[in-house]
């Protein structure tokens, strides 16, 4: 076989990407940190409708979100201590 072997790694280097953005040294990064973090996801919660409570698997009553853990649904009939907490 006299054909030339395929060259896999003999590529010219890619040109450098242009630098974009603003140098951080020109501005106070703390003001940008506050603007980027904002109020968490409070703005999104204001846009969404209130969550519909699921029915309790034990008694069928609508569950509620306790103040102590507002991400965990609790049944006021089956778990009164959780709801009151």
C-alpha atoms as a PDB file:
ATOM      1  CA  UNK A   1       0.000   0.000   0.000  1.00  0.00           C
ATOM      2  CA  UNK A   2       1.530   3.272  -1.041  1.00  0.00           C
ATOM      3  CA  UNK A   3      -1.310   5.598  -0.081  1.00  0.00           C
ATOM      4  CA  UNK A   4      -0.549   8.219   2.531  1.00  0.00           C
ATOM      5  CA  UNK A   5      -1.965   7.468   5.984  1.00  0.00           C
ATOM      6  CA  UNK A   6      -4.757   9.711   7.212  1.00  0.00           C
ATOM      7  CA  UNK A   7      -3.447  12.405   9.501  1.00  0.00           C
ATOM      8  CA  UNK A   8      -5.650  12.822  12.567  1.00  0.00           C
ATOM      9  CA  UNK A   9      -3.734  15.216  14.765  1.00  0.00           C
ATOM     10  CA  UNK A  10      -1.985  17.524  12.328  1.00  0.00           C
ATOM     11  CA  UNK A  11      -4.481  20.386  12.444  1.00  0.00           C
ATOM     12  CA  UNK A  12      -3.686  24.070  12.603  1.00  0.00           C
ATOM     13  CA  UNK A  13      -4.509  25.609  15.978  1.00  0.00           C
ATOM     14  CA  UNK A  14      -7.874  27.322  16.122  1.00  0.00           C
ATOM     15  CA  UNK A  15      -7.768  31.115  16.304  1.00  0.00           C
ATOM     16  CA  UNK A  16      -8.277  32.588  19.753  1.00  0.00           C
ATOM     17  CA  UNK A  17     -11.807  33.688  20.617  1.00  0.00           C
ATOM     18  CA  UNK A  18     -12.235  37.451  20.872  1.00  0.00           C
ATOM     19  CA  UNK A  19     -12.370  38.781  24.400  1.00  0.00           C
ATOM     20  CA  UNK A  20     -15.735  40.264  25.296  1.00  0.00           C
ATOM     21  CA  UNK A  21     -17.308  41.816  28.343  1.00  0.00           C
ATOM     22  CA  UNK A  22     -16.299  44.597  30.674  1.00  0.00           C
ATOM     23  CA  UNK A  23     -13.359  44.266  33.037  1.00  0.00           C
ATOM     24  CA  UNK A  24     -14.590  43.837  36.608  1.00  0.00           C
ATOM     25  CA  UNK A  25     -11.996  46.261  37.926  1.00  0.00           C
ATOM     26  CA  UNK A  26     -13.854  49.221  36.433  1.00  0.00           C
ATOM     27  CA  UNK A  27     -17.041  48.654  38.428  1.00  0.00           C
ATOM     28  CA  UNK A  28     -18.066  47.637  41.917  1.00  0.00           C
ATOM     29  CA  UNK A  29     -18.861  43.886  41.685  1.00  0.00           C
ATOM     30  CA  UNK A  30     -21.027  44.027  44.825  1.00  0.00           C
ATOM     31  CA  UNK A  31     -23.715  46.023  43.032  1.00  0.00           C
ATOM     32  CA  UNK A  32     -23.777  43.468  40.223  1.00  0.00           C
ATOM     33  CA  UNK A  33     -23.950  40.584  42.688  1.00  0.00           C
ATOM     34  CA  UNK A  34     -27.069  42.106  44.254  1.00  0.00           C
ATOM     35  CA  UNK A  35     -28.620  42.712  40.838  1.00  0.00           C
ATOM     36  CA  UNK A  36     -27.905  39.176  39.661  1.00  0.00           C
ATOM     37  CA  UNK A  37     -29.133  37.395  42.779  1.00  0.00           C
ATOM     38  CA  UNK A  38     -32.170  39.649  43.179  1.00  0.00           C
ATOM     39  CA  UNK A  39     -34.803  38.465  45.612  1.00  0.00           C
ATOM     40  CA  UNK A  40     -34.239  34.791  44.910  1.00  0.00           C
ATOM     41  CA  UNK A  41     -37.271  33.415  43.125  1.00  0.00           C
ATOM     42  CA  UNK A  42     -39.770  35.750  44.776  1.00  0.00           C
ATOM     43  CA  UNK A  43     -40.513  37.360  41.425  1.00  0.00           C
ATOM     44  CA  UNK A  44     -41.378  33.956  39.970  1.00  0.00           C
ATOM     45  CA  UNK A  45     -43.609  33.023  42.906  1.00  0.00           C
ATOM     46  CA  UNK A  46     -45.527  36.270  42.377  1.00  0.00           C
ATOM     47  CA  UNK A  47     -46.222  35.282  38.755  1.00  0.00           C
ATOM     48  CA  UNK A  48     -47.385  31.744  39.494  1.00  0.00           C
ATOM     49  CA  UNK A  49     -50.837  30.844  40.823  1.00  0.00           C
ATOM     50  CA  UNK A  50     -51.135  29.500  44.363  1.00  0.00           C
ATOM     51  CA  UNK A  51     -50.406  25.769  44.550  1.00  0.00           C
ATOM     52  CA  UNK A  52     -53.442  23.510  44.647  1.00  0.00           C
ATOM     53  CA  UNK A  53     -53.329  21.280  47.734  1.00  0.00           C
ATOM     54  CA  UNK A  54     -53.287  17.551  47.096  1.00  0.00           C
ATOM     55  CA  UNK A  55     -55.762  15.271  48.830  1.00  0.00           C
ATOM     56  CA  UNK A  56     -54.532  13.328  51.853  1.00  0.00           C
ATOM     57  CA  UNK A  57     -53.960   9.667  51.097  1.00  0.00           C
ATOM     58  CA  UNK A  58     -55.430   8.670  54.472  1.00  0.00           C
ATOM     59  CA  UNK A  59     -58.619  10.726  54.823  1.00  0.00           C
ATOM     60  CA  UNK A  60     -59.017  12.546  51.494  1.00  0.00           C
ATOM     61  CA  UNK A  61     -59.039  16.074  52.983  1.00  0.00           C
ATOM     62  CA  UNK A  62     -57.039  18.815  51.249  1.00  0.00           C
ATOM     63  CA  UNK A  63     -53.576  19.172  52.719  1.00  0.00           C
ATOM     64  CA  UNK A  64     -51.924  22.466  53.718  1.00  0.00           C
ATOM     65  CA  UNK A  65     -48.432  23.936  53.779  1.00  0.00           C
ATOM     66  CA  UNK A  66     -47.262  24.375  57.389  1.00  0.00           C
ATOM     67  CA  UNK A  67     -45.487  27.613  58.295  1.00  0.00           C
ATOM     68  CA  UNK A  68     -42.518  25.687  59.764  1.00  0.00           C
ATOM     69  CA  UNK A  69     -41.877  23.810  56.494  1.00  0.00           C
ATOM     70  CA  UNK A  70     -43.773  25.538  53.654  1.00  0.00           C
ATOM     71  CA  UNK A  71     -42.538  23.045  51.068  1.00  0.00           C
ATOM     72  CA  UNK A  72     -43.953  19.912  52.745  1.00  0.00           C
ATOM     73  CA  UNK A  73     -47.689  19.239  52.521  1.00  0.00           C
ATOM     74  CA  UNK A  74     -49.364  18.109  55.761  1.00  0.00           C
ATOM     75  CA  UNK A  75     -52.920  16.938  56.473  1.00  0.00           C
ATOM     76  CA  UNK A  76     -54.694  18.989  59.164  1.00  0.00           C
ATOM     77  CA  UNK A  77     -56.745  15.922  60.194  1.00  0.00           C
ATOM     78  CA  UNK A  78     -54.072  13.223  60.110  1.00  0.00           C
ATOM     79  CA  UNK A  79     -51.072  15.372  61.154  1.00  0.00           C
ATOM     80  CA  UNK A  80     -52.425  18.220  63.322  1.00  0.00           C
ATOM     81  CA  UNK A  81     -49.076  18.695  65.099  1.00  0.00           C
ATOM     82  CA  UNK A  82     -47.336  19.309  61.764  1.00  0.00           C
ATOM     83  CA  UNK A  83     -49.890  21.868  60.606  1.00  0.00           C
ATOM     84  CA  UNK A  84     -49.895  23.746  63.930  1.00  0.00           C
ATOM     85  CA  UNK A  85     -46.073  23.946  64.063  1.00  0.00           C
END
